[in-house]
Amino acid sequence: MKDITVDRLAPRQRLLAALDEVISEKLNPAHHIDAVESKLFGIGAESYTVGSNEFYMGYATSRQTALCLDAGHFHPTEVISDKISAAMLYVPQLLLHVSRPVRWDSDHVVLLDDETQAIASEIVRHDLFDRVHIGLDFFDASINRIAAWVIGTRNMKKPCCVRCWNLPPSCASWKRRAITLRVWHCWKSRNRCRGRRSGKCIANVTIPQRVANGWRACGLMRKRF
């Protein structure tokens, strides 16, 4: 609602009944997963949002549906990386809309920033690949669509791979997995010019499970950067 709301309960009662009717038809979870998503505010809904975080957190918990966390749907001082572990205690699955909000839900291209790395850390360190579905949300980006898709996807995949390399020794669940890591630096000592030296870092990672967003590392991934 745009201004002071008289009745905040009735719209939520109607939304609750409508959602129950929608999910009453059970679909094969192998092909379809029901998820609900909250938002802090929106255009035309400055004073009151029916589907608030509390509403949808309660709904997902009571109905055991997936909960969607959008990086741009919360207060600028809130981050979804801090909500993942809390939500995972109560809901079966999470859907993430990873984006880069600028002052509001503006959905710019995902960067390899602190929050993106924190999201990856939560997923990898707690072994949540089977319960968290990563979606990238940058439809308002002002650059070329293909470039936005490629840049955003790479910036989400990179921290997932990096966190796999830097797992703490205390991660017992990961010790039982067949994960082998080999990282080495090959510096070209002969190609020095004016105090500079060129080199390369090659990482071979064998991870027989999903890495992020449905991708699987079957065998050996070779990454040069």
C-alpha atoms as a PDB file:
ATOM      1  CA  MET A   1       0.000   0.000   0.000  1.00  0.00           C
ATOM      2  CA  LYS A   2       1.232   3.501  -0.757  1.00  0.00           C
ATOM      3  CA  ASP A   3       0.099   5.106   2.482  1.00  0.00           C
ATOM      4  CA  ILE A   4      -1.041   4.282   6.002  1.00  0.00           C
ATOM      5  CA  THR A   5      -2.919   0.981   5.908  1.00  0.00           C
ATOM      6  CA  VAL A   6      -6.126   0.486   7.877  1.00  0.00           C
ATOM      7  CA  ASP A   7      -6.385  -3.302   7.617  1.00  0.00           C
ATOM      8  CA  ARG A   8      -3.124  -5.244   7.471  1.00  0.00           C
ATOM      9  CA  LEU A   9      -4.608  -8.622   8.355  1.00  0.00           C
ATOM     10  CA  ALA A  10      -7.246  -9.203   5.664  1.00  0.00           C
ATOM     11  CA  PRO A  11      -4.858  -8.943   2.667  1.00  0.00           C
ATOM     12  CA  ARG A  12      -2.557 -11.477   4.291  1.00  0.00           C
ATOM     13  CA  GLN A  13      -5.449 -13.809   4.997  1.00  0.00           C
ATOM     14  CA  ARG A  14      -6.424 -13.655   1.325  1.00  0.00           C
ATOM     15  CA  LEU A  15      -2.834 -14.240   0.236  1.00  0.00           C
ATOM     16  CA  LEU A  16      -2.547 -17.206   2.590  1.00  0.00           C
ATOM     17  CA  ALA A  17      -5.706 -18.787   1.178  1.00  0.00           C
ATOM     18  CA  ALA A  18      -4.576 -18.152  -2.397  1.00  0.00           C
ATOM     19  CA  LEU A  19      -1.158 -19.715  -1.819  1.00  0.00           C
ATOM     20  CA  ASP A  20      -2.710 -22.768  -0.188  1.00  0.00           C
ATOM     21  CA  GLU A  21      -4.910 -23.214  -3.237  1.00  0.00           C
ATOM     22  CA  VAL A  22      -1.931 -22.894  -5.576  1.00  0.00           C
ATOM     23  CA  ILE A  23       0.208 -25.514  -3.850  1.00  0.00           C
ATOM     24  CA  SER A  24      -2.706 -27.886  -3.229  1.00  0.00           C
ATOM     25  CA  GLU A  25      -1.895 -29.559  -6.543  1.00  0.00           C
ATOM     26  CA  LYS A  26       1.227 -31.579  -5.879  1.00  0.00           C
ATOM     27  CA  LEU A  27       3.772 -31.663  -8.688  1.00  0.00           C
ATOM     28  CA  ASN A  28       6.812 -33.865  -9.159  1.00  0.00           C
ATOM     29  CA  PRO A  29       9.653 -32.153  -7.233  1.00  0.00           C
ATOM     30  CA  ALA A  30      12.123 -33.533  -9.758  1.00  0.00           C
ATOM     31  CA  HIS A  31      10.667 -31.086 -12.267  1.00  0.00           C
ATOM     32  CA  HIS A  32       9.046 -28.373 -10.175  1.00  0.00           C
ATOM     33  CA  ILE A  33       9.751 -26.882  -6.745  1.00  0.00           C
ATOM     34  CA  ASP A  34       7.350 -24.441  -5.095  1.00  0.00           C
ATOM     35  CA  ALA A  35       9.102 -21.434  -3.565  1.00  0.00           C
ATOM     36  CA  VAL A  36       7.787 -18.256  -1.946  1.00  0.00           C
ATOM     37  CA  GLU A  37       9.619 -14.943  -1.938  1.00  0.00           C
ATOM     38  CA  SER A  38       9.332 -11.906   0.302  1.00  0.00           C
ATOM     39  CA  LYS A  39      10.107  -8.273  -0.376  1.00  0.00           C
ATOM     40  CA  LEU A  40      10.697  -5.266   1.845  1.00  0.00           C
ATOM     41  CA  PHE A  41       8.932  -2.749  -0.383  1.00  0.00           C
ATOM     42  CA  GLY A  42       8.220  -1.972  -3.991  1.00  0.00           C
ATOM     43  CA  ILE A  43       6.867   0.686  -6.308  1.00  0.00           C
ATOM     44  CA  GLY A  44       3.336   1.376  -5.109  1.00  0.00           C
ATOM     45  CA  ALA A  45       3.918  -0.529  -1.867  1.00  0.00           C
ATOM     46  CA  GLU A  46       6.023   1.829   0.196  1.00  0.00           C
ATOM     47  CA  SER A  47       4.088   1.622   3.463  1.00  0.00           C
ATOM     48  CA  TYR A  48       2.902  -1.965   3.551  1.00  0.00           C
ATOM     49  CA  THR A  49       3.924  -5.139   1.737  1.00  0.00           C
ATOM     50  CA  VAL A  50       1.561  -8.073   2.156  1.00  0.00           C
ATOM     51  CA  GLY A  51       4.224 -10.690   1.445  1.00  0.00           C
ATOM     52  CA  SER A  52       6.749  -9.559   4.021  1.00  0.00           C
ATOM     53  CA  ASN A  53       9.733 -11.583   5.200  1.00  0.00           C
ATOM     54  CA  GLU A  54       7.895 -12.675   8.333  1.00  0.00           C
ATOM     55  CA  PHE A  55       4.853 -13.767   6.329  1.00  0.00           C
ATOM     56  CA  TYR A  56       6.762 -15.895   3.850  1.00  0.00           C
ATOM     57  CA  MET A  57       9.192 -17.294   6.399  1.00  0.00           C
ATOM     58  CA  GLY A  58       6.214 -18.475   8.427  1.00  0.00           C
ATOM     59  CA  TYR A  59       4.486 -19.807   5.334  1.00  0.00           C
ATOM     60  CA  ALA A  60       7.512 -21.737   4.069  1.00  0.00           C
ATOM     61  CA  THR A  61       8.106 -23.171   7.531  1.00  0.00           C
ATOM     62  CA  SER A  62       4.504 -24.252   8.128  1.00  0.00           C
ATOM     63  CA  ARG A  63       3.937 -25.607   4.603  1.00  0.00           C
ATOM     64  CA  GLN A  64       7.491 -26.912   4.125  1.00  0.00           C
ATOM     65  CA  THR A  65       7.936 -25.210   0.779  1.00  0.00           C
ATOM     66  CA  ALA A  66      11.160 -23.718  -0.515  1.00  0.00           C
ATOM     67  CA  LEU A  67      11.978 -20.179   0.577  1.00  0.00           C
ATOM     68  CA  CYS A  68      13.407 -17.666  -1.888  1.00  0.00           C
ATOM     69  CA  LEU A  69      15.926 -15.108  -0.658  1.00  0.00           C
ATOM     70  CA  ASP A  70      16.547 -12.231  -3.060  1.00  0.00           C
ATOM     71  CA  ALA A  71      19.624 -10.095  -2.410  1.00  0.00           C
ATOM     72  CA  GLY A  72      17.688  -6.972  -3.380  1.00  0.00           C
ATOM     73  CA  HIS A  73      14.528  -7.578  -1.379  1.00  0.00           C
ATOM     74  CA  PHE A  74      15.795  -6.557   2.046  1.00  0.00           C
ATOM     75  CA  HIS A  75      16.989  -3.425   3.796  1.00  0.00           C
ATOM     76  CA  PRO A  76      20.355  -2.206   2.431  1.00  0.00           C
ATOM     77  CA  THR A  77      21.990  -3.108   5.744  1.00  0.00           C
ATOM     78  CA  GLU A  78      20.775  -6.722   5.529  1.00  0.00           C
ATOM     79  CA  VAL A  79      22.512  -9.493   3.592  1.00  0.00           C
ATOM     80  CA  ILE A  80      21.081 -12.853   2.570  1.00  0.00           C
ATOM     81  CA  SER A  81      24.315 -14.679   3.427  1.00  0.00           C
ATOM     82  CA  ASP A  82      23.437 -14.110   7.083  1.00  0.00           C
ATOM     83  CA  LYS A  83      19.982 -15.631   6.591  1.00  0.00           C
ATOM     84  CA  ILE A  84      20.941 -18.903   4.882  1.00  0.00           C
ATOM     85  CA  SER A  85      21.972 -20.891   7.960  1.00  0.00           C
ATOM     86  CA  ALA A  86      18.960 -19.669   9.953  1.00  0.00           C
ATOM     87  CA  ALA A  87      16.450 -20.533   7.236  1.00  0.00           C
ATOM     88  CA  MET A  88      18.011 -23.950   6.608  1.00  0.00           C
ATOM     89  CA  LEU A  89      16.990 -25.038  10.105  1.00  0.00           C
ATOM     90  CA  TYR A  90      13.298 -24.719   9.244  1.00  0.00           C
ATOM     91  CA  VAL A  91      12.724 -25.020   5.490  1.00  0.00           C
ATOM     92  CA  PRO A  92      13.628 -27.969   3.258  1.00  0.00           C
ATOM     93  CA  GLN A  93      15.186 -25.958   0.427  1.00  0.00           C
ATOM     94  CA  LEU A  94      16.294 -22.465  -0.477  1.00  0.00           C
ATOM     95  CA  LEU A  95      16.151 -20.599  -3.755  1.00  0.00           C
ATOM     96  CA  LEU A  96      18.621 -17.724  -4.008  1.00  0.00           C
ATOM     97  CA  HIS A  97      18.272 -14.735  -6.291  1.00  0.00           C
ATOM     98  CA  VAL A  98      21.826 -13.447  -6.271  1.00  0.00           C
ATOM     99  CA  SER A  99      21.944  -9.898  -7.589  1.00  0.00           C
ATOM    100  CA  ARG A 100      23.596  -6.566  -6.855  1.00  0.00           C
ATOM    101  CA  PRO A 101      21.134  -4.016  -5.514  1.00  0.00           C
ATOM    102  CA  VAL A 102      22.126  -0.349  -5.668  1.00  0.00           C
ATOM    103  CA  ARG A 103      20.093   1.551  -3.053  1.00  0.00           C
ATOM    104  CA  TRP A 104      17.091  -0.652  -3.846  1.00  0.00           C
ATOM    105  CA  ASP A 105      16.137  -3.767  -5.821  1.00  0.00           C
ATOM    106  CA  SER A 106      17.885  -2.590  -8.995  1.00  0.00           C
ATOM    107  CA  ASP A 107      19.424  -5.976  -9.893  1.00  0.00           C
ATOM    108  CA  HIS A 108      22.723  -5.010 -11.454  1.00  0.00           C
ATOM    109  CA  VAL A 109      25.242  -7.569 -12.689  1.00  0.00           C
ATOM    110  CA  VAL A 110      26.659  -9.782  -9.948  1.00  0.00           C
ATOM    111  CA  LEU A 111      30.181  -8.847  -8.896  1.00  0.00           C
ATOM    112  CA  LEU A 112      32.796 -10.935  -7.144  1.00  0.00           C
ATOM    113  CA  ASP A 113      32.289  -8.844  -4.026  1.00  0.00           C
ATOM    114  CA  ASP A 114      32.254  -9.656  -0.313  1.00  0.00           C
ATOM    115  CA  GLU A 115      28.573 -10.631  -0.227  1.00  0.00           C
ATOM    116  CA  THR A 116      28.828 -12.981  -3.210  1.00  0.00           C
ATOM    117  CA  GLN A 117      31.805 -14.681  -1.563  1.00  0.00           C
ATOM    118  CA  ALA A 118      29.946 -14.878   1.753  1.00  0.00           C
ATOM    119  CA  ILE A 119      26.984 -16.569   0.047  1.00  0.00           C
ATOM    120  CA  ALA A 120      29.316 -19.125  -1.525  1.00  0.00           C
ATOM    121  CA  SER A 121      31.000 -19.736   1.831  1.00  0.00           C
ATOM    122  CA  GLU A 122      27.702 -20.523   3.527  1.00  0.00           C
ATOM    123  CA  ILE A 123      26.739 -23.005   0.820  1.00  0.00           C
ATOM    124  CA  VAL A 124      30.091 -24.775   0.558  1.00  0.00           C
ATOM    125  CA  ARG A 125      31.131 -24.913   4.206  1.00  0.00           C
ATOM    126  CA  HIS A 126      27.782 -26.298   5.338  1.00  0.00           C
ATOM    127  CA  ASP A 127      27.462 -28.684   2.376  1.00  0.00           C
ATOM    128  CA  LEU A 128      24.140 -27.247   1.206  1.00  0.00           C
ATOM    129  CA  PHE A 129      24.481 -27.928  -2.511  1.00  0.00           C
ATOM    130  CA  ASP A 130      21.583 -30.389  -2.478  1.00  0.00           C
ATOM    131  CA  ARG A 131      19.261 -27.948  -0.690  1.00  0.00           C
ATOM    132  CA  VAL A 132      20.177 -24.561  -2.143  1.00  0.00           C
ATOM    133  CA  HIS A 133      19.345 -23.542  -5.710  1.00  0.00           C
ATOM    134  CA  ILE A 134      21.314 -20.568  -7.001  1.00  0.00           C
ATOM    135  CA  GLY A 135      19.593 -18.202  -9.392  1.00  0.00           C
ATOM    136  CA  LEU A 136      21.149 -15.043 -10.816  1.00  0.00           C
ATOM    137  CA  ASP A 137      18.969 -11.951 -11.004  1.00  0.00           C
ATOM    138  CA  PHE A 138      20.287  -9.020 -13.039  1.00  0.00           C
ATOM    139  CA  PHE A 139      17.525  -8.108 -15.455  1.00  0.00           C
ATOM    140  CA  ASP A 140      18.004  -4.349 -14.914  1.00  0.00           C
ATOM    141  CA  ALA A 141      21.677  -4.361 -15.875  1.00  0.00           C
ATOM    142  CA  SER A 142      22.413  -1.723 -18.492  1.00  0.00           C
ATOM    143  CA  ILE A 143      25.040  -3.733 -20.385  1.00  0.00           C
ATOM    144  CA  ASN A 144      24.641  -6.311 -23.135  1.00  0.00           C
ATOM    145  CA  ARG A 145      22.429  -9.235 -22.111  1.00  0.00           C
ATOM    146  CA  ILE A 146      24.926 -11.930 -23.060  1.00  0.00           C
ATOM    147  CA  ALA A 147      27.756 -10.087 -21.321  1.00  0.00           C
ATOM    148  CA  ALA A 148      25.620  -9.690 -18.200  1.00  0.00           C
ATOM    149  CA  TRP A 149      24.820 -13.399 -18.174  1.00  0.00           C
ATOM    150  CA  VAL A 150      28.440 -14.491 -18.676  1.00  0.00           C
ATOM    151  CA  ILE A 151      29.971 -12.042 -16.190  1.00  0.00           C
ATOM    152  CA  GLY A 152      27.367 -12.702 -13.513  1.00  0.00           C
ATOM    153  CA  THR A 153      27.588 -16.478 -13.883  1.00  0.00           C
ATOM    154  CA  ARG A 154      31.388 -16.512 -13.674  1.00  0.00           C
ATOM    155  CA  ASN A 155      31.355 -14.248 -10.629  1.00  0.00           C
ATOM    156  CA  MET A 156      29.050 -16.698  -8.837  1.00  0.00           C
ATOM    157  CA  LYS A 157      30.948 -19.820  -9.870  1.00  0.00           C
ATOM    158  CA  LYS A 158      34.380 -18.516  -8.893  1.00  0.00           C
ATOM    159  CA  PRO A 159      33.792 -18.121  -5.129  1.00  0.00           C
ATOM    160  CA  CYS A 160      32.150 -21.558  -4.995  1.00  0.00           C
ATOM    161  CA  CYS A 161      35.273 -23.116  -6.479  1.00  0.00           C
ATOM    162  CA  VAL A 162      37.581 -21.043  -4.276  1.00  0.00           C
ATOM    163  CA  ARG A 163      35.711 -22.068  -1.131  1.00  0.00           C
ATOM    164  CA  CYS A 164      36.066 -25.713  -2.149  1.00  0.00           C
ATOM    165  CA  TRP A 165      39.832 -25.220  -2.207  1.00  0.00           C
ATOM    166  CA  ASN A 166      39.901 -23.470   1.187  1.00  0.00           C
ATOM    167  CA  LEU A 167      37.752 -25.794   3.275  1.00  0.00           C
ATOM    168  CA  PRO A 168      38.796 -25.867   6.950  1.00  0.00           C
ATOM    169  CA  PRO A 169      40.149 -29.186   8.282  1.00  0.00           C
ATOM    170  CA  SER A 170      37.222 -29.409  10.707  1.00  0.00           C
ATOM    171  CA  CYS A 171      34.731 -30.071   7.895  1.00  0.00           C
ATOM    172  CA  ALA A 172      34.296 -33.770   8.621  1.00  0.00           C
ATOM    173  CA  SER A 173      31.569 -34.225   6.028  1.00  0.00           C
ATOM    174  CA  TRP A 174      33.923 -33.046   3.336  1.00  0.00           C
ATOM    175  CA  LYS A 175      36.729 -35.325   4.494  1.00  0.00           C
ATOM    176  CA  ARG A 176      34.573 -38.269   3.559  1.00  0.00           C
ATOM    177  CA  ARG A 177      34.120 -37.000   0.025  1.00  0.00           C
ATOM    178  CA  ALA A 178      36.447 -37.805  -2.817  1.00  0.00           C
ATOM    179  CA  ILE A 179      37.829 -34.319  -3.258  1.00  0.00           C
ATOM    180  CA  THR A 180      41.404 -33.911  -4.431  1.00  0.00           C
ATOM    181  CA  LEU A 181      42.982 -30.532  -4.763  1.00  0.00           C
ATOM    182  CA  ARG A 182      46.130 -29.596  -6.581  1.00  0.00           C
ATOM    183  CA  VAL A 183      47.113 -25.966  -6.971  1.00  0.00           C
ATOM    184  CA  TRP A 184      50.521 -24.878  -8.117  1.00  0.00           C
ATOM    185  CA  HIS A 185      52.161 -21.760  -9.457  1.00  0.00           C
ATOM    186  CA  CYS A 186      54.417 -21.995 -12.493  1.00  0.00           C
ATOM    187  CA  TRP A 187      56.454 -18.864 -12.845  1.00  0.00           C
ATOM    188  CA  LYS A 188      58.342 -18.254 -16.056  1.00  0.00           C
ATOM    189  CA  SER A 189      61.617 -17.193 -14.543  1.00  0.00           C
ATOM    190  CA  ARG A 190      63.214 -16.717 -17.940  1.00  0.00           C
ATOM    191  CA  ASN A 191      60.639 -14.199 -19.183  1.00  0.00           C
ATOM    192  CA  ARG A 192      61.584 -11.345 -16.932  1.00  0.00           C
ATOM    193  CA  CYS A 193      61.551  -7.843 -18.321  1.00  0.00           C
ATOM    194  CA  ARG A 194      62.390  -4.695 -16.359  1.00  0.00           C
ATOM    195  CA  GLY A 195      61.799  -6.317 -13.017  1.00  0.00           C
ATOM    196  CA  ARG A 196      58.532  -7.940 -14.063  1.00  0.00           C
ATOM    197  CA  ARG A 197      57.838 -11.605 -14.469  1.00  0.00           C
ATOM    198  CA  SER A 198      54.911 -13.266 -16.118  1.00  0.00           C
ATOM    199  CA  GLY A 199      53.347 -16.415 -14.783  1.00  0.00           C
ATOM    200  CA  LYS A 200      50.269 -18.483 -14.520  1.00  0.00           C
ATOM    201  CA  CYS A 201      48.311 -20.348 -11.906  1.00  0.00           C
ATOM    202  CA  ILE A 202      46.676 -23.615 -12.840  1.00  0.00           C
ATOM    203  CA  ALA A 203      44.255 -25.393 -10.546  1.00  0.00           C
ATOM    204  CA  ASN A 204      43.060 -28.939 -11.018  1.00  0.00           C
ATOM    205  CA  VAL A 205      39.979 -29.752  -8.976  1.00  0.00           C
ATOM    206  CA  THR A 206      38.195 -33.080  -8.886  1.00  0.00           C
ATOM    207  CA  ILE A 207      34.758 -32.733  -7.314  1.00  0.00           C
ATOM    208  CA  PRO A 208      32.288 -35.551  -8.019  1.00  0.00           C
ATOM    209  CA  GLN A 209      29.218 -33.524  -7.096  1.00  0.00           C
ATOM    210  CA  ARG A 210      27.282 -30.396  -7.949  1.00  0.00           C
ATOM    211  CA  VAL A 211      29.288 -27.193  -7.630  1.00  0.00           C
ATOM    212  CA  ALA A 212      26.684 -24.487  -8.134  1.00  0.00           C
ATOM    213  CA  ASN A 213      23.387 -23.886  -9.816  1.00  0.00           C
ATOM    214  CA  GLY A 214      23.042 -27.369 -11.246  1.00  0.00           C
ATOM    215  CA  TRP A 215      26.515 -27.633 -12.751  1.00  0.00           C
ATOM    216  CA  ARG A 216      28.442 -30.818 -12.141  1.00  0.00           C
ATOM    217  CA  ALA A 217      32.174 -31.229 -12.131  1.00  0.00           C
ATOM    218  CA  CYS A 218      32.551 -34.649 -13.702  1.00  0.00           C
ATOM    219  CA  GLY A 219      36.157 -35.627 -13.368  1.00  0.00           C
ATOM    220  CA  LEU A 220      38.739 -32.909 -13.635  1.00  0.00           C
ATOM    221  CA  MET A 221      38.083 -29.204 -13.942  1.00  0.00           C
ATOM    222  CA  ARG A 222      41.104 -27.309 -15.208  1.00  0.00           C
ATOM    223  CA  LYS A 223      41.109 -23.593 -14.538  1.00  0.00           C
ATOM    224  CA  ARG A 224      43.814 -21.209 -15.682  1.00  0.00           C
ATOM    225  CA  PHE A 225      43.883 -17.627 -14.506  1.00  0.00           C
END
